Amino acid sequence: MEPATQTKLGRREALARLGLTVAVAYSAPTVLHLDRTANAAVQPSCKGKSKGKGNPWCDTKGKGKNDRSNDRAARERERERERRERERERERERRERERERAERQRERERERRDRARSRDRDRG
């Protein structure tokens, strides 16, 4: 520890300390990996009852804060999941119809070839 006596800092020492302080302050967020997720989204206050149609950000129709936003997000995720599932099912059905169409086409070609062979045999 330094003695309790005050020593006058010279210009160079003061600038050196200031430089070190600035360097530490500048690099602290990078070195410490501060968690700023709470600052990422600014959320409105939904406390209390509001006049009129309610706070449009809270979607509570003037009833105060509740869990509707979480329910709404869950419903949206469920709707999106169901939409993707419907799209996958439509794609599967489309592929199946395409396979069936191709199979019918191949069957018709086989029948034509067989008829042509039987005609050639009957003629020859």
C-alpha atoms as a PDB file:
ATOM      1  CA  MET A   1       0.000   0.000   0.000  1.00  0.00           C
ATOM      2  CA  GLU A   2       1.025   3.536  -0.605  1.00  0.00           C
ATOM      3  CA  PRO A   3       1.788   5.778   2.318  1.00  0.00           C
ATOM      4  CA  ALA A   4      -0.885   8.222   3.367  1.00  0.00           C
ATOM      5  CA  THR A   5       1.181  11.169   2.269  1.00  0.00           C
ATOM      6  CA  GLN A   6       0.020  12.923  -0.851  1.00  0.00           C
ATOM      7  CA  THR A   7       2.440  13.011  -3.716  1.00  0.00           C
ATOM      8  CA  LYS A   8       2.042  15.313  -6.618  1.00  0.00           C
ATOM      9  CA  LEU A   9       1.741  13.445  -9.899  1.00  0.00           C
ATOM     10  CA  GLY A  10       3.696  14.682 -12.802  1.00  0.00           C
ATOM     11  CA  ARG A  11       2.182  15.266 -16.215  1.00  0.00           C
ATOM     12  CA  ARG A  12       3.548  12.023 -17.614  1.00  0.00           C
ATOM     13  CA  GLU A  13       2.351   9.895 -14.719  1.00  0.00           C
ATOM     14  CA  ALA A  14      -1.134  11.448 -14.881  1.00  0.00           C
ATOM     15  CA  LEU A  15      -1.365  10.830 -18.637  1.00  0.00           C
ATOM     16  CA  ALA A  16      -0.128   7.263 -18.173  1.00  0.00           C
ATOM     17  CA  ARG A  17      -2.802   6.562 -15.558  1.00  0.00           C
ATOM     18  CA  LEU A  18      -5.461   8.203 -17.706  1.00  0.00           C
ATOM     19  CA  GLY A  19      -4.375   6.130 -20.689  1.00  0.00           C
ATOM     20  CA  LEU A  20      -4.572   2.914 -18.674  1.00  0.00           C
ATOM     21  CA  THR A  21      -7.983   3.871 -17.318  1.00  0.00           C
ATOM     22  CA  VAL A  22      -9.320   4.615 -20.792  1.00  0.00           C
ATOM     23  CA  ALA A  23      -7.900   1.345 -22.130  1.00  0.00           C
ATOM     24  CA  VAL A  24      -9.568  -0.639 -19.331  1.00  0.00           C
ATOM     25  CA  ALA A  25     -12.893   1.146 -19.759  1.00  0.00           C
ATOM     26  CA  TYR A  26     -12.785   0.654 -23.541  1.00  0.00           C
ATOM     27  CA  SER A  27     -11.934  -3.046 -23.414  1.00  0.00           C
ATOM     28  CA  ALA A  28     -14.087  -4.037 -20.409  1.00  0.00           C
ATOM     29  CA  PRO A  29     -17.250  -4.940 -22.373  1.00  0.00           C
ATOM     30  CA  THR A  30     -15.241  -7.146 -24.716  1.00  0.00           C
ATOM     31  CA  VAL A  31     -13.180  -8.819 -22.027  1.00  0.00           C
ATOM     32  CA  LEU A  32     -16.023  -9.304 -19.548  1.00  0.00           C
ATOM     33  CA  HIS A  33     -18.645 -10.452 -22.112  1.00  0.00           C
ATOM     34  CA  LEU A  34     -21.471  -8.471 -20.567  1.00  0.00           C
ATOM     35  CA  ASP A  35     -24.908  -9.974 -21.070  1.00  0.00           C
ATOM     36  CA  ARG A  36     -27.104  -7.396 -22.749  1.00  0.00           C
ATOM     37  CA  THR A  37     -30.070  -9.558 -23.676  1.00  0.00           C
ATOM     38  CA  ALA A  38     -32.288  -7.633 -21.275  1.00  0.00           C
ATOM     39  CA  ASN A  39     -31.485  -4.436 -23.150  1.00  0.00           C
ATOM     40  CA  ALA A  40     -32.170  -5.961 -26.550  1.00  0.00           C
ATOM     41  CA  ALA A  41     -35.952  -5.637 -26.469  1.00  0.00           C
ATOM     42  CA  VAL A  42     -37.720  -2.696 -24.933  1.00  0.00           C
ATOM     43  CA  GLN A  43     -41.066  -3.824 -23.622  1.00  0.00           C
ATOM     44  CA  PRO A  44     -43.896  -1.490 -22.741  1.00  0.00           C
ATOM     45  CA  SER A  45     -45.385  -1.351 -19.303  1.00  0.00           C
ATOM     46  CA  CYS A  46     -48.803  -2.997 -19.305  1.00  0.00           C
ATOM     47  CA  LYS A  47     -49.653  -2.355 -15.668  1.00  0.00           C
ATOM     48  CA  GLY A  48     -52.980  -0.902 -14.703  1.00  0.00           C
ATOM     49  CA  LYS A  49     -56.014  -0.183 -16.784  1.00  0.00           C
ATOM     50  CA  SER A  50     -55.832   2.130 -19.715  1.00  0.00           C
ATOM     51  CA  LYS A  51     -58.621   4.205 -21.179  1.00  0.00           C
ATOM     52  CA  GLY A  52     -60.149   3.515 -24.535  1.00  0.00           C
ATOM     53  CA  LYS A  53     -59.166   0.450 -26.491  1.00  0.00           C
ATOM     54  CA  GLY A  54     -56.230  -0.467 -24.297  1.00  0.00           C
ATOM     55  CA  ASN A  55     -52.532  -0.437 -24.979  1.00  0.00           C
ATOM     56  CA  PRO A  56     -51.986  -1.806 -28.502  1.00  0.00           C
ATOM     57  CA  TRP A  57     -48.578  -3.158 -27.492  1.00  0.00           C
ATOM     58  CA  CYS A  58     -50.042  -5.225 -24.690  1.00  0.00           C
ATOM     59  CA  ASP A  59     -53.238  -6.246 -26.511  1.00  0.00           C
ATOM     60  CA  THR A  60     -55.097  -6.410 -23.218  1.00  0.00           C
ATOM     61  CA  LYS A  61     -58.071  -4.246 -24.195  1.00  0.00           C
ATOM     62  CA  GLY A  62     -57.646  -2.161 -21.043  1.00  0.00           C
ATOM     63  CA  LYS A  63     -57.518  -5.115 -18.633  1.00  0.00           C
ATOM     64  CA  GLY A  64     -53.907  -4.646 -17.507  1.00  0.00           C
ATOM     65  CA  LYS A  65     -50.930  -6.919 -17.944  1.00  0.00           C
ATOM     66  CA  ASN A  66     -51.520 -10.634 -18.246  1.00  0.00           C
ATOM     67  CA  ASP A  67     -50.030 -13.631 -20.006  1.00  0.00           C
ATOM     68  CA  ARG A  68     -51.786 -13.044 -23.316  1.00  0.00           C
ATOM     69  CA  SER A  69     -48.566 -12.081 -25.062  1.00  0.00           C
ATOM     70  CA  ASN A  70     -46.992 -15.439 -24.175  1.00  0.00           C
ATOM     71  CA  ASP A  71     -50.156 -17.266 -25.200  1.00  0.00           C
ATOM     72  CA  ARG A  72     -50.272 -15.324 -28.449  1.00  0.00           C
ATOM     73  CA  ALA A  73     -46.651 -16.159 -29.213  1.00  0.00           C
ATOM     74  CA  ALA A  74     -47.299 -19.827 -28.471  1.00  0.00           C
ATOM     75  CA  ARG A  75     -50.368 -19.797 -30.738  1.00  0.00           C
ATOM     76  CA  GLU A  76     -48.355 -18.145 -33.496  1.00  0.00           C
ATOM     77  CA  ARG A  77     -45.618 -20.773 -33.187  1.00  0.00           C
ATOM     78  CA  GLU A  78     -48.240 -23.537 -33.272  1.00  0.00           C
ATOM     79  CA  ARG A  79     -49.915 -22.012 -36.344  1.00  0.00           C
ATOM     80  CA  GLU A  80     -46.564 -21.743 -38.090  1.00  0.00           C
ATOM     81  CA  ARG A  81     -45.731 -25.357 -37.232  1.00  0.00           C
ATOM     82  CA  GLU A  82     -49.126 -26.512 -38.530  1.00  0.00           C
ATOM     83  CA  ARG A  83     -48.686 -24.452 -41.711  1.00  0.00           C
ATOM     84  CA  ARG A  84     -45.309 -26.049 -42.371  1.00  0.00           C
ATOM     85  CA  GLU A  85     -46.791 -29.500 -41.728  1.00  0.00           C
ATOM     86  CA  ARG A  86     -49.625 -28.801 -44.195  1.00  0.00           C
ATOM     87  CA  GLU A  87     -47.096 -27.678 -46.783  1.00  0.00           C
ATOM     88  CA  ARG A  88     -45.088 -30.878 -46.277  1.00  0.00           C
ATOM     89  CA  GLU A  89     -48.243 -32.976 -46.591  1.00  0.00           C
ATOM     90  CA  ARG A  90     -49.273 -31.170 -49.797  1.00  0.00           C
ATOM     91  CA  GLU A  91     -45.790 -31.752 -51.199  1.00  0.00           C
ATOM     92  CA  ARG A  92     -45.978 -35.471 -50.311  1.00  0.00           C
ATOM     93  CA  GLU A  93     -49.379 -35.733 -51.972  1.00  0.00           C
ATOM     94  CA  ARG A  94     -48.116 -33.921 -55.069  1.00  0.00           C
ATOM     95  CA  ARG A  95     -45.151 -36.281 -55.336  1.00  0.00           C
ATOM     96  CA  GLU A  96     -47.444 -39.292 -54.894  1.00  0.00           C
ATOM     97  CA  ARG A  97     -49.766 -38.033 -57.655  1.00  0.00           C
ATOM     98  CA  GLU A  98     -46.759 -37.488 -59.895  1.00  0.00           C
ATOM     99  CA  ARG A  99     -45.541 -41.054 -59.222  1.00  0.00           C
ATOM    100  CA  GLU A 100     -48.992 -42.463 -59.966  1.00  0.00           C
ATOM    101  CA  ARG A 101     -49.223 -40.430 -63.172  1.00  0.00           C
ATOM    102  CA  ALA A 102     -45.799 -41.634 -64.282  1.00  0.00           C
ATOM    103  CA  GLU A 103     -46.768 -45.248 -63.470  1.00  0.00           C
ATOM    104  CA  ARG A 104     -49.980 -44.932 -65.513  1.00  0.00           C
ATOM    105  CA  GLN A 105     -47.979 -43.489 -68.393  1.00  0.00           C
ATOM    106  CA  ARG A 106     -45.513 -46.399 -68.245  1.00  0.00           C
ATOM    107  CA  GLU A 107     -48.406 -48.886 -68.145  1.00  0.00           C
ATOM    108  CA  ARG A 108     -49.999 -47.300 -71.229  1.00  0.00           C
ATOM    109  CA  GLU A 109     -46.659 -47.471 -73.066  1.00  0.00           C
ATOM    110  CA  ARG A 110     -46.306 -51.169 -72.157  1.00  0.00           C
ATOM    111  CA  GLU A 111     -49.828 -51.860 -73.416  1.00  0.00           C
ATOM    112  CA  ARG A 112     -49.102 -50.067 -76.707  1.00  0.00           C
ATOM    113  CA  ARG A 113     -45.899 -52.043 -77.200  1.00  0.00           C
ATOM    114  CA  ASP A 114     -47.700 -55.307 -76.424  1.00  0.00           C
ATOM    115  CA  ARG A 115     -50.478 -54.512 -78.913  1.00  0.00           C
ATOM    116  CA  ALA A 116     -47.921 -53.577 -81.561  1.00  0.00           C
ATOM    117  CA  ARG A 117     -46.013 -56.866 -80.974  1.00  0.00           C
ATOM    118  CA  SER A 118     -49.172 -58.940 -81.154  1.00  0.00           C
ATOM    119  CA  ARG A 119     -50.165 -57.213 -84.425  1.00  0.00           C
ATOM    120  CA  ASP A 120     -46.721 -57.856 -85.858  1.00  0.00           C
ATOM    121  CA  ARG A 121     -46.945 -61.533 -84.834  1.00  0.00           C
ATOM    122  CA  ASP A 122     -50.395 -61.888 -86.389  1.00  0.00           C
ATOM    123  CA  ARG A 123     -49.181 -60.355 -89.663  1.00  0.00           C
ATOM    124  CA  GLY A 124     -45.966 -62.293 -89.840  1.00  0.00           C
END
